[in-house]
Amino acid sequence: MRDPRTVLLRPLMTEKSMQQKEDLNAVTFQVAVDANKVEIRQAVERVFNVKVADVRTQSREGKWKRMGRFEGRRSSWKKAVVTLAPGHKIELVEGV
């Protein structure tokens, strides 16, 4: 079993993810690119001591960026939307 800190990299706090947190009781994380849904579920349950109902993942391609005449690419990353069981809640940052 992997260390949860290597699976969950950071929570994503966007307008859409905050709306999903209120409406669907779902929290969004940036996760390791090689992490699967089972590892993500176990990491969230161990770190936050909650019950996970569903995990949805999405692989995001890195964007092409230019610095003057040089062109490079941002690194690709993976996003996970974790839906919590009814009655469970994660307090990340409230009132932001």
PDB file of N, CA and C in Angstrom:
ATOM      1  N   MET A   1       0.847  -1.196   0.000  1.00  0.00           N
ATOM      2  CA  MET A   1       0.000   0.000   0.000  1.00  0.00           C
ATOM      3  C   MET A   1       0.881   1.243   0.000  1.00  0.00           C
ATOM      4  N   ARG A   2       0.540   2.185  -0.865  1.00  0.00           N
ATOM      5  CA  ARG A   2       1.338   3.407  -0.989  1.00  0.00           C
ATOM      6  C   ARG A   2       1.026   4.395   0.120  1.00  0.00           C
ATOM      7  N   ASP A   3       1.987   5.257   0.377  1.00  0.00           N
ATOM      8  CA  ASP A   3       1.793   6.333   1.347  1.00  0.00           C
ATOM      9  C   ASP A   3       0.780   7.326   0.772  1.00  0.00           C
ATOM     10  N   PRO A   4      -0.255   7.711   1.544  1.00  0.00           N
ATOM     11  CA  PRO A   4      -1.280   8.626   1.012  1.00  0.00           C
ATOM     12  C   PRO A   4      -0.724   9.964   0.549  1.00  0.00           C
ATOM     13  N   ARG A   5       0.403  10.389   1.132  1.00  0.00           N
ATOM     14  CA  ARG A   5       0.974  11.679   0.734  1.00  0.00           C
ATOM     15  C   ARG A   5       1.588  11.631  -0.661  1.00  0.00           C
ATOM     16  N   THR A   6       1.901  10.440  -1.158  1.00  0.00           N
ATOM     17  CA  THR A   6       2.418  10.333  -2.529  1.00  0.00           C
ATOM     18  C   THR A   6       1.284  10.183  -3.535  1.00  0.00           C
ATOM     19  N   VAL A   7       0.076   9.831  -3.067  1.00  0.00           N
ATOM     20  CA  VAL A   7      -1.078   9.690  -3.961  1.00  0.00           C
ATOM     21  C   VAL A   7      -1.803  11.022  -4.101  1.00  0.00           C
ATOM     22  N   LEU A   8      -2.166  11.646  -2.971  1.00  0.00           N
ATOM     23  CA  LEU A   8      -2.863  12.936  -2.980  1.00  0.00           C
ATOM     24  C   LEU A   8      -1.827  14.048  -2.959  1.00  0.00           C
ATOM     25  N   LEU A   9      -1.773  14.837  -4.011  1.00  0.00           N
ATOM     26  CA  LEU A   9      -0.771  15.901  -4.085  1.00  0.00           C
ATOM     27  C   LEU A   9      -1.287  17.206  -3.487  1.00  0.00           C
ATOM     28  N   ARG A  10      -2.495  17.624  -3.880  1.00  0.00           N
ATOM     29  CA  ARG A  10      -3.068  18.852  -3.323  1.00  0.00           C
ATOM     30  C   ARG A  10      -4.547  18.924  -3.654  1.00  0.00           C
ATOM     31  N   PRO A  11      -5.328  19.610  -2.826  1.00  0.00           N
ATOM     32  CA  PRO A  11      -6.731  19.819  -3.184  1.00  0.00           C
ATOM     33  C   PRO A  11      -6.837  20.911  -4.242  1.00  0.00           C
ATOM     34  N   LEU A  12      -7.807  20.785  -5.135  1.00  0.00           N
ATOM     35  CA  LEU A  12      -8.035  21.797  -6.161  1.00  0.00           C
ATOM     36  C   LEU A  12      -9.209  22.661  -5.724  1.00  0.00           C
ATOM     37  N   MET A  13      -8.958  23.953  -5.586  1.00  0.00           N
ATOM     38  CA  MET A  13      -9.992  24.872  -5.134  1.00  0.00           C
ATOM     39  C   MET A  13     -10.333  25.833  -6.262  1.00  0.00           C
ATOM     40  N   THR A  14     -11.293  25.432  -7.076  1.00  0.00           N
ATOM     41  CA  THR A  14     -11.783  26.274  -8.152  1.00  0.00           C
ATOM     42  C   THR A  14     -13.258  26.556  -7.890  1.00  0.00           C
ATOM     43  N   GLU A  15     -13.829  27.433  -8.693  1.00  0.00           N
ATOM     44  CA  GLU A  15     -15.258  27.722  -8.528  1.00  0.00           C
ATOM     45  C   GLU A  15     -16.093  26.467  -8.749  1.00  0.00           C
ATOM     46  N   LYS A  16     -15.732  25.703  -9.767  1.00  0.00           N
ATOM     47  CA  LYS A  16     -16.486  24.489 -10.071  1.00  0.00           C
ATOM     48  C   LYS A  16     -16.358  23.456  -8.954  1.00  0.00           C
ATOM     49  N   SER A  17     -15.143  23.272  -8.431  1.00  0.00           N
ATOM     50  CA  SER A  17     -14.968  22.271  -7.374  1.00  0.00           C
ATOM     51  C   SER A  17     -15.670  22.691  -6.084  1.00  0.00           C
ATOM     52  N   MET A  18     -15.713  23.978  -5.789  1.00  0.00           N
ATOM     53  CA  MET A  18     -16.427  24.439  -4.597  1.00  0.00           C
ATOM     54  C   MET A  18     -17.939  24.247  -4.760  1.00  0.00           C
ATOM     55  N   GLN A  19     -18.440  24.441  -5.979  1.00  0.00           N
ATOM     56  CA  GLN A  19     -19.859  24.208  -6.241  1.00  0.00           C
ATOM     57  C   GLN A  19     -20.191  22.727  -6.091  1.00  0.00           C
ATOM     58  N   GLN A  20     -19.298  21.856  -6.597  1.00  0.00           N
ATOM     59  CA  GLN A  20     -19.507  20.415  -6.459  1.00  0.00           C
ATOM     60  C   GLN A  20     -19.455  19.985  -4.997  1.00  0.00           C
ATOM     61  N   LYS A  21     -18.619  20.655  -4.212  1.00  0.00           N
ATOM     62  CA  LYS A  21     -18.522  20.318  -2.791  1.00  0.00           C
ATOM     63  C   LYS A  21     -19.848  20.593  -2.091  1.00  0.00           C
ATOM     64  N   GLU A  22     -20.495  21.702  -2.439  1.00  0.00           N
ATOM     65  CA  GLU A  22     -21.775  22.045  -1.820  1.00  0.00           C
ATOM     66  C   GLU A  22     -22.918  21.182  -2.357  1.00  0.00           C
ATOM     67  N   ASP A  23     -22.979  20.999  -3.681  1.00  0.00           N
ATOM     68  CA  ASP A  23     -24.117  20.320  -4.302  1.00  0.00           C
ATOM     69  C   ASP A  23     -24.038  18.800  -4.204  1.00  0.00           C
ATOM     70  N   LEU A  24     -22.861  18.243  -4.473  1.00  0.00           N
ATOM     71  CA  LEU A  24     -22.719  16.791  -4.602  1.00  0.00           C
ATOM     72  C   LEU A  24     -21.933  16.136  -3.474  1.00  0.00           C
ATOM     73  N   ASN A  25     -21.437  16.926  -2.517  1.00  0.00           N
ATOM     74  CA  ASN A  25     -20.558  16.434  -1.444  1.00  0.00           C
ATOM     75  C   ASN A  25     -19.331  15.750  -2.058  1.00  0.00           C
ATOM     76  N   ALA A  26     -18.732  16.415  -3.054  1.00  0.00           N
ATOM     77  CA  ALA A  26     -17.569  15.887  -3.768  1.00  0.00           C
ATOM     78  C   ALA A  26     -16.398  16.842  -3.613  1.00  0.00           C
ATOM     79  N   VAL A  27     -15.209  16.279  -3.383  1.00  0.00           N
ATOM     80  CA  VAL A  27     -13.992  17.063  -3.213  1.00  0.00           C
ATOM     81  C   VAL A  27     -13.033  16.699  -4.339  1.00  0.00           C
ATOM     82  N   THR A  28     -12.319  17.701  -4.878  1.00  0.00           N
ATOM     83  CA  THR A  28     -11.432  17.489  -6.013  1.00  0.00           C
ATOM     84  C   THR A  28      -9.977  17.593  -5.573  1.00  0.00           C
ATOM     85  N   PHE A  29      -9.157  16.647  -6.034  1.00  0.00           N
ATOM     86  CA  PHE A  29      -7.734  16.617  -5.699  1.00  0.00           C
ATOM     87  C   PHE A  29      -6.904  16.480  -6.956  1.00  0.00           C
ATOM     88  N   GLN A  30      -5.671  17.029  -6.907  1.00  0.00           N
ATOM     89  CA  GLN A  30      -4.664  16.671  -7.897  1.00  0.00           C
ATOM     90  C   GLN A  30      -3.964  15.451  -7.325  1.00  0.00           C
ATOM     91  N   VAL A  31      -3.864  14.390  -8.125  1.00  0.00           N
ATOM     92  CA  VAL A  31      -3.298  13.138  -7.641  1.00  0.00           C
ATOM     93  C   VAL A  31      -2.118  12.732  -8.510  1.00  0.00           C
ATOM     94  N   ALA A  32      -1.371  11.739  -8.048  1.00  0.00           N
ATOM     95  CA  ALA A  32      -0.237  11.228  -8.808  1.00  0.00           C
ATOM     96  C   ALA A  32      -0.734  10.654 -10.132  1.00  0.00           C
ATOM     97  N   VAL A  33       0.051  10.837 -11.185  1.00  0.00           N
ATOM     98  CA  VAL A  33      -0.361  10.428 -12.526  1.00  0.00           C
ATOM     99  C   VAL A  33      -0.552   8.909 -12.598  1.00  0.00           C
ATOM    100  N   ASP A  34       0.218   8.153 -11.834  1.00  0.00           N
ATOM    101  CA  ASP A  34       0.126   6.691 -11.896  1.00  0.00           C
ATOM    102  C   ASP A  34      -0.817   6.102 -10.843  1.00  0.00           C
ATOM    103  N   ALA A  35      -1.547   6.944 -10.105  1.00  0.00           N
ATOM    104  CA  ALA A  35      -2.460   6.451  -9.073  1.00  0.00           C
ATOM    105  C   ALA A  35      -3.753   5.944  -9.705  1.00  0.00           C
ATOM    106  N   ASN A  36      -4.280   4.835  -9.182  1.00  0.00           N
ATOM    107  CA  ASN A  36      -5.556   4.333  -9.676  1.00  0.00           C
ATOM    108  C   ASN A  36      -6.668   4.681  -8.685  1.00  0.00           C
ATOM    109  N   LYS A  37      -7.908   4.347  -9.042  1.00  0.00           N
ATOM    110  CA  LYS A  37      -9.058   4.745  -8.231  1.00  0.00           C
ATOM    111  C   LYS A  37      -9.048   4.092  -6.854  1.00  0.00           C
ATOM    112  N   VAL A  38      -8.581   2.852  -6.774  1.00  0.00           N
ATOM    113  CA  VAL A  38      -8.539   2.152  -5.486  1.00  0.00           C
ATOM    114  C   VAL A  38      -7.552   2.845  -4.542  1.00  0.00           C
ATOM    115  N   GLU A  39      -6.373   3.203  -5.057  1.00  0.00           N
ATOM    116  CA  GLU A  39      -5.371   3.893  -4.232  1.00  0.00           C
ATOM    117  C   GLU A  39      -5.882   5.260  -3.786  1.00  0.00           C
ATOM    118  N   ILE A  40      -6.570   5.972  -4.663  1.00  0.00           N
ATOM    119  CA  ILE A  40      -7.107   7.292  -4.325  1.00  0.00           C
ATOM    120  C   ILE A  40      -8.152   7.162  -3.224  1.00  0.00           C
ATOM    121  N   ARG A  41      -9.047   6.180  -3.352  1.00  0.00           N
ATOM    122  CA  ARG A  41     -10.084   5.942  -2.337  1.00  0.00           C
ATOM    123  C   ARG A  41      -9.451   5.636  -0.976  1.00  0.00           C
ATOM    124  N   GLN A  42      -8.460   4.745  -0.945  1.00  0.00           N
ATOM    125  CA  GLN A  42      -7.813   4.373   0.313  1.00  0.00           C
ATOM    126  C   GLN A  42      -7.078   5.554   0.929  1.00  0.00           C
ATOM    127  N   ALA A  43      -6.434   6.375   0.100  1.00  0.00           N
ATOM    128  CA  ALA A  43      -5.690   7.528   0.606  1.00  0.00           C
ATOM    129  C   ALA A  43      -6.630   8.548   1.246  1.00  0.00           C
ATOM    130  N   VAL A  44      -7.753   8.853   0.585  1.00  0.00           N
ATOM    131  CA  VAL A  44      -8.701   9.827   1.125  1.00  0.00           C
ATOM    132  C   VAL A  44      -9.316   9.300   2.420  1.00  0.00           C
ATOM    133  N   GLU A  45      -9.666   8.017   2.456  1.00  0.00           N
ATOM    134  CA  GLU A  45     -10.274   7.448   3.659  1.00  0.00           C
ATOM    135  C   GLU A  45      -9.300   7.442   4.823  1.00  0.00           C
ATOM    136  N   ARG A  46      -8.011   7.184   4.566  1.00  0.00           N
ATOM    137  CA  ARG A  46      -7.022   7.160   5.645  1.00  0.00           C
ATOM    138  C   ARG A  46      -6.672   8.563   6.138  1.00  0.00           C
ATOM    139  N   VAL A  47      -6.476   9.510   5.212  1.00  0.00           N
ATOM    140  CA  VAL A  47      -6.029  10.851   5.605  1.00  0.00           C
ATOM    141  C   VAL A  47      -7.141  11.632   6.307  1.00  0.00           C
ATOM    142  N   PHE A  48      -8.357  11.590   5.751  1.00  0.00           N
ATOM    143  CA  PHE A  48      -9.434  12.434   6.266  1.00  0.00           C
ATOM    144  C   PHE A  48     -10.434  11.685   7.147  1.00  0.00           C
ATOM    145  N   ASN A  49     -10.285  10.357   7.287  1.00  0.00           N
ATOM    146  CA  ASN A  49     -11.147   9.547   8.143  1.00  0.00           C
ATOM    147  C   ASN A  49     -12.625   9.694   7.755  1.00  0.00           C
ATOM    148  N   VAL A  50     -12.913   9.503   6.459  1.00  0.00           N
ATOM    149  CA  VAL A  50     -14.274   9.594   5.925  1.00  0.00           C
ATOM    150  C   VAL A  50     -14.547   8.346   5.087  1.00  0.00           C
ATOM    151  N   LYS A  51     -15.801   8.163   4.691  1.00  0.00           N
ATOM    152  CA  LYS A  51     -16.199   7.058   3.819  1.00  0.00           C
ATOM    153  C   LYS A  51     -16.404   7.611   2.414  1.00  0.00           C
ATOM    154  N   VAL A  52     -15.761   6.996   1.426  1.00  0.00           N
ATOM    155  CA  VAL A  52     -15.831   7.448   0.037  1.00  0.00           C
ATOM    156  C   VAL A  52     -16.884   6.629  -0.703  1.00  0.00           C
ATOM    157  N   ALA A  53     -17.775   7.323  -1.422  1.00  0.00           N
ATOM    158  CA  ALA A  53     -18.819   6.651  -2.189  1.00  0.00           C
ATOM    159  C   ALA A  53     -18.376   6.386  -3.621  1.00  0.00           C
ATOM    160  N   ASP A  54     -17.638   7.333  -4.245  1.00  0.00           N
ATOM    161  CA  ASP A  54     -17.288   7.201  -5.657  1.00  0.00           C
ATOM    162  C   ASP A  54     -16.024   7.998  -5.955  1.00  0.00           C
ATOM    163  N   VAL A  55     -15.238   7.528  -6.919  1.00  0.00           N
ATOM    164  CA  VAL A  55     -14.035   8.239  -7.378  1.00  0.00           C
ATOM    165  C   VAL A  55     -14.088   8.325  -8.892  1.00  0.00           C
ATOM    166  N   ARG A  56     -13.964   9.542  -9.417  1.00  0.00           N
ATOM    167  CA  ARG A  56     -13.880   9.759 -10.864  1.00  0.00           C
ATOM    168  C   ARG A  56     -12.536  10.411 -11.151  1.00  0.00           C
ATOM    169  N   THR A  57     -11.841   9.949 -12.179  1.00  0.00           N
ATOM    170  CA  THR A  57     -10.522  10.492 -12.500  1.00  0.00           C
ATOM    171  C   THR A  57     -10.510  11.067 -13.908  1.00  0.00           C
ATOM    172  N   GLN A  58      -9.577  11.973 -14.108  1.00  0.00           N
ATOM    173  CA  GLN A  58      -9.431  12.623 -15.412  1.00  0.00           C
ATOM    174  C   GLN A  58      -7.955  12.945 -15.608  1.00  0.00           C
ATOM    175  N   SER A  59      -7.373  12.513 -16.713  1.00  0.00           N
ATOM    176  CA  SER A  59      -5.988  12.831 -17.041  1.00  0.00           C
ATOM    177  C   SER A  59      -5.963  14.100 -17.875  1.00  0.00           C
ATOM    178  N   ARG A  60      -5.172  15.074 -17.449  1.00  0.00           N
ATOM    179  CA  ARG A  60      -5.104  16.367 -18.129  1.00  0.00           C
ATOM    180  C   ARG A  60      -3.764  16.482 -18.853  1.00  0.00           C
ATOM    181  N   GLU A  61      -3.834  16.831 -20.132  1.00  0.00           N
ATOM    182  CA  GLU A  61      -2.634  17.009 -20.939  1.00  0.00           C
ATOM    183  C   GLU A  61      -1.999  18.360 -20.622  1.00  0.00           C
ATOM    184  N   GLY A  62      -0.671  18.404 -20.538  1.00  0.00           N
ATOM    185  CA  GLY A  62       0.021  19.657 -20.286  1.00  0.00           C
ATOM    186  C   GLY A  62      -0.119  20.611 -21.457  1.00  0.00           C
ATOM    187  N   LYS A  63      -0.278  21.897 -21.152  1.00  0.00           N
ATOM    188  CA  LYS A  63      -0.472  22.894 -22.212  1.00  0.00           C
ATOM    189  C   LYS A  63       0.869  23.319 -22.801  1.00  0.00           C
ATOM    190  N   TRP A  64       0.838  23.661 -24.081  1.00  0.00           N
ATOM    191  CA  TRP A  64       2.011  24.242 -24.718  1.00  0.00           C
ATOM    192  C   TRP A  64       2.104  25.710 -24.312  1.00  0.00           C
ATOM    193  N   LYS A  65       3.292  26.146 -23.912  1.00  0.00           N
ATOM    194  CA  LYS A  65       3.523  27.532 -23.501  1.00  0.00           C
ATOM    195  C   LYS A  65       4.758  28.069 -24.206  1.00  0.00           C
ATOM    196  N   ARG A  66       4.756  29.386 -24.432  1.00  0.00           N
ATOM    197  CA  ARG A  66       5.892  30.032 -25.090  1.00  0.00           C
ATOM    198  C   ARG A  66       6.545  31.022 -24.137  1.00  0.00           C
ATOM    199  N   MET A  67       7.856  31.054 -24.207  1.00  0.00           N
ATOM    200  CA  MET A  67       8.629  32.081 -23.520  1.00  0.00           C
ATOM    201  C   MET A  67       9.476  32.747 -24.587  1.00  0.00           C
ATOM    202  N   GLY A  68       8.959  33.844 -25.157  1.00  0.00           N
ATOM    203  CA  GLY A  68       9.658  34.470 -26.272  1.00  0.00           C
ATOM    204  C   GLY A  68       9.608  33.568 -27.483  1.00  0.00           C
ATOM    205  N   ARG A  69      10.785  33.217 -28.009  1.00  0.00           N
ATOM    206  CA  ARG A  69      10.803  32.361 -29.189  1.00  0.00           C
ATOM    207  C   ARG A  69      10.927  30.890 -28.834  1.00  0.00           C
ATOM    208  N   PHE A  70      11.004  30.575 -27.538  1.00  0.00           N
ATOM    209  CA  PHE A  70      11.127  29.180 -27.108  1.00  0.00           C
ATOM    210  C   PHE A  70       9.759  28.632 -26.733  1.00  0.00           C
ATOM    211  N   GLU A  71       9.550  27.379 -27.081  1.00  0.00           N
ATOM    212  CA  GLU A  71       8.279  26.750 -26.798  1.00  0.00           C
ATOM    213  C   GLU A  71       8.514  25.538 -25.893  1.00  0.00           C
ATOM    214  N   GLY A  72       7.689  25.412 -24.891  1.00  0.00           N
ATOM    215  CA  GLY A  72       7.810  24.277 -23.982  1.00  0.00           C
ATOM    216  C   GLY A  72       6.440  23.792 -23.584  1.00  0.00           C
ATOM    217  N   ARG A  73       6.428  22.757 -22.802  1.00  0.00           N
ATOM    218  CA  ARG A  73       5.166  22.162 -22.401  1.00  0.00           C
ATOM    219  C   ARG A  73       5.100  22.050 -20.892  1.00  0.00           C
ATOM    220  N   ARG A  74       3.954  22.423 -20.316  1.00  0.00           N
ATOM    221  CA  ARG A  74       3.710  22.169 -18.897  1.00  0.00           C
ATOM    222  C   ARG A  74       3.533  20.668 -18.705  1.00  0.00           C
ATOM    223  N   SER A  75       3.786  20.194 -17.501  1.00  0.00           N
ATOM    224  CA  SER A  75       3.680  18.756 -17.267  1.00  0.00           C
ATOM    225  C   SER A  75       2.215  18.336 -17.224  1.00  0.00           C
ATOM    226  N   SER A  76       1.950  17.108 -17.668  1.00  0.00           N
ATOM    227  CA  SER A  76       0.610  16.546 -17.608  1.00  0.00           C
ATOM    228  C   SER A  76       0.300  16.166 -16.162  1.00  0.00           C
ATOM    229  N   TRP A  77      -0.998  16.140 -15.821  1.00  0.00           N
ATOM    230  CA  TRP A  77      -1.382  15.850 -14.448  1.00  0.00           C
ATOM    231  C   TRP A  77      -2.709  15.118 -14.423  1.00  0.00           C
ATOM    232  N   LYS A  78      -3.085  14.647 -13.241  1.00  0.00           N
ATOM    233  CA  LYS A  78      -4.302  13.860 -13.101  1.00  0.00           C
ATOM    234  C   LYS A  78      -5.172  14.463 -12.008  1.00  0.00           C
ATOM    235  N   LYS A  79      -6.480  14.501 -12.282  1.00  0.00           N
ATOM    236  CA  LYS A  79      -7.451  15.079 -11.349  1.00  0.00           C
ATOM    237  C   LYS A  79      -8.388  13.974 -10.893  1.00  0.00           C
ATOM    238  N   ALA A  80      -8.768  14.002  -9.612  1.00  0.00           N
ATOM    239  CA  ALA A  80      -9.719  13.027  -9.082  1.00  0.00           C
ATOM    240  C   ALA A  80     -10.834  13.771  -8.357  1.00  0.00           C
ATOM    241  N   VAL A  81     -12.081  13.439  -8.703  1.00  0.00           N
ATOM    242  CA  VAL A  81     -13.251  13.980  -8.013  1.00  0.00           C
ATOM    243  C   VAL A  81     -13.772  12.861  -7.115  1.00  0.00           C
ATOM    244  N   VAL A  82     -13.672  13.079  -5.801  1.00  0.00           N
ATOM    245  CA  VAL A  82     -14.026  12.059  -4.815  1.00  0.00           C
ATOM    246  C   VAL A  82     -15.367  12.434  -4.197  1.00  0.00           C
ATOM    247  N   THR A  83     -16.376  11.598  -4.415  1.00  0.00           N
ATOM    248  CA  THR A  83     -17.696  11.813  -3.827  1.00  0.00           C
ATOM    249  C   THR A  83     -17.749  11.088  -2.493  1.00  0.00           C
ATOM    250  N   LEU A  84     -18.136  11.819  -1.449  1.00  0.00           N
ATOM    251  CA  LEU A  84     -18.182  11.249  -0.107  1.00  0.00           C
ATOM    252  C   LEU A  84     -19.553  10.656   0.181  1.00  0.00           C
ATOM    253  N   ALA A  85     -19.585   9.685   1.082  1.00  0.00           N
ATOM    254  CA  ALA A  85     -20.839   9.060   1.491  1.00  0.00           C
ATOM    255  C   ALA A  85     -21.685  10.088   2.241  1.00  0.00           C
ATOM    256  N   PRO A  86     -23.015   9.930   2.232  1.00  0.00           N
ATOM    257  CA  PRO A  86     -23.869  10.879   2.959  1.00  0.00           C
ATOM    258  C   PRO A  86     -23.508  10.928   4.440  1.00  0.00           C
ATOM    259  N   GLY A  87     -23.454  12.154   4.972  1.00  0.00           N
ATOM    260  CA  GLY A  87     -23.113  12.335   6.381  1.00  0.00           C
ATOM    261  C   GLY A  87     -21.636  12.565   6.626  1.00  0.00           C
ATOM    262  N   HIS A  88     -20.784  12.338   5.625  1.00  0.00           N
ATOM    263  CA  HIS A  88     -19.350  12.577   5.770  1.00  0.00           C
ATOM    264  C   HIS A  88     -18.986  13.894   5.113  1.00  0.00           C
ATOM    265  N   LYS A  89     -17.958  14.548   5.651  1.00  0.00           N
ATOM    266  CA  LYS A  89     -17.580  15.881   5.166  1.00  0.00           C
ATOM    267  C   LYS A  89     -16.075  16.062   5.356  1.00  0.00           C
ATOM    268  N   ILE A  90     -15.442  16.799   4.445  1.00  0.00           N
ATOM    269  CA  ILE A  90     -14.040  17.179   4.562  1.00  0.00           C
ATOM    270  C   ILE A  90     -13.969  18.686   4.674  1.00  0.00           C
ATOM    271  N   GLU A  91     -13.342  19.174   5.729  1.00  0.00           N
ATOM    272  CA  GLU A  91     -13.159  20.616   5.913  1.00  0.00           C
ATOM    273  C   GLU A  91     -11.771  20.989   5.428  1.00  0.00           C
ATOM    274  N   LEU A  92     -11.668  21.504   4.207  1.00  0.00           N
ATOM    275  CA  LEU A  92     -10.359  21.906   3.684  1.00  0.00           C
ATOM    276  C   LEU A  92     -10.102  23.362   4.083  1.00  0.00           C
ATOM    277  N   VAL A  93     -10.746  24.295   3.412  1.00  0.00           N
ATOM    278  CA  VAL A  93     -10.658  25.708   3.764  1.00  0.00           C
ATOM    279  C   VAL A  93     -12.056  26.268   3.590  1.00  0.00           C
ATOM    280  N   GLU A  94     -12.660  26.690   4.665  1.00  0.00           N
ATOM    281  CA  GLU A  94     -14.013  27.226   4.593  1.00  0.00           C
ATOM    282  C   GLU A  94     -13.966  28.738   4.556  1.00  0.00           C
ATOM    283  N   GLY A  95     -14.888  29.335   3.828  1.00  0.00           N
ATOM    284  CA  GLY A  95     -15.015  30.781   3.792  1.00  0.00           C
ATOM    285  C   GLY A  95     -13.982  31.472   2.936  1.00  0.00           C
ATOM    286  N   VAL A  96     -13.428  30.776   1.938  1.00  0.00           N
ATOM    287  CA  VAL A  96     -12.454  31.394   1.057  1.00  0.00           C
ATOM    288  C   VAL A  96     -13.144  31.916  -0.162  1.00  0.00           C
TER     289      VAL A  96
END
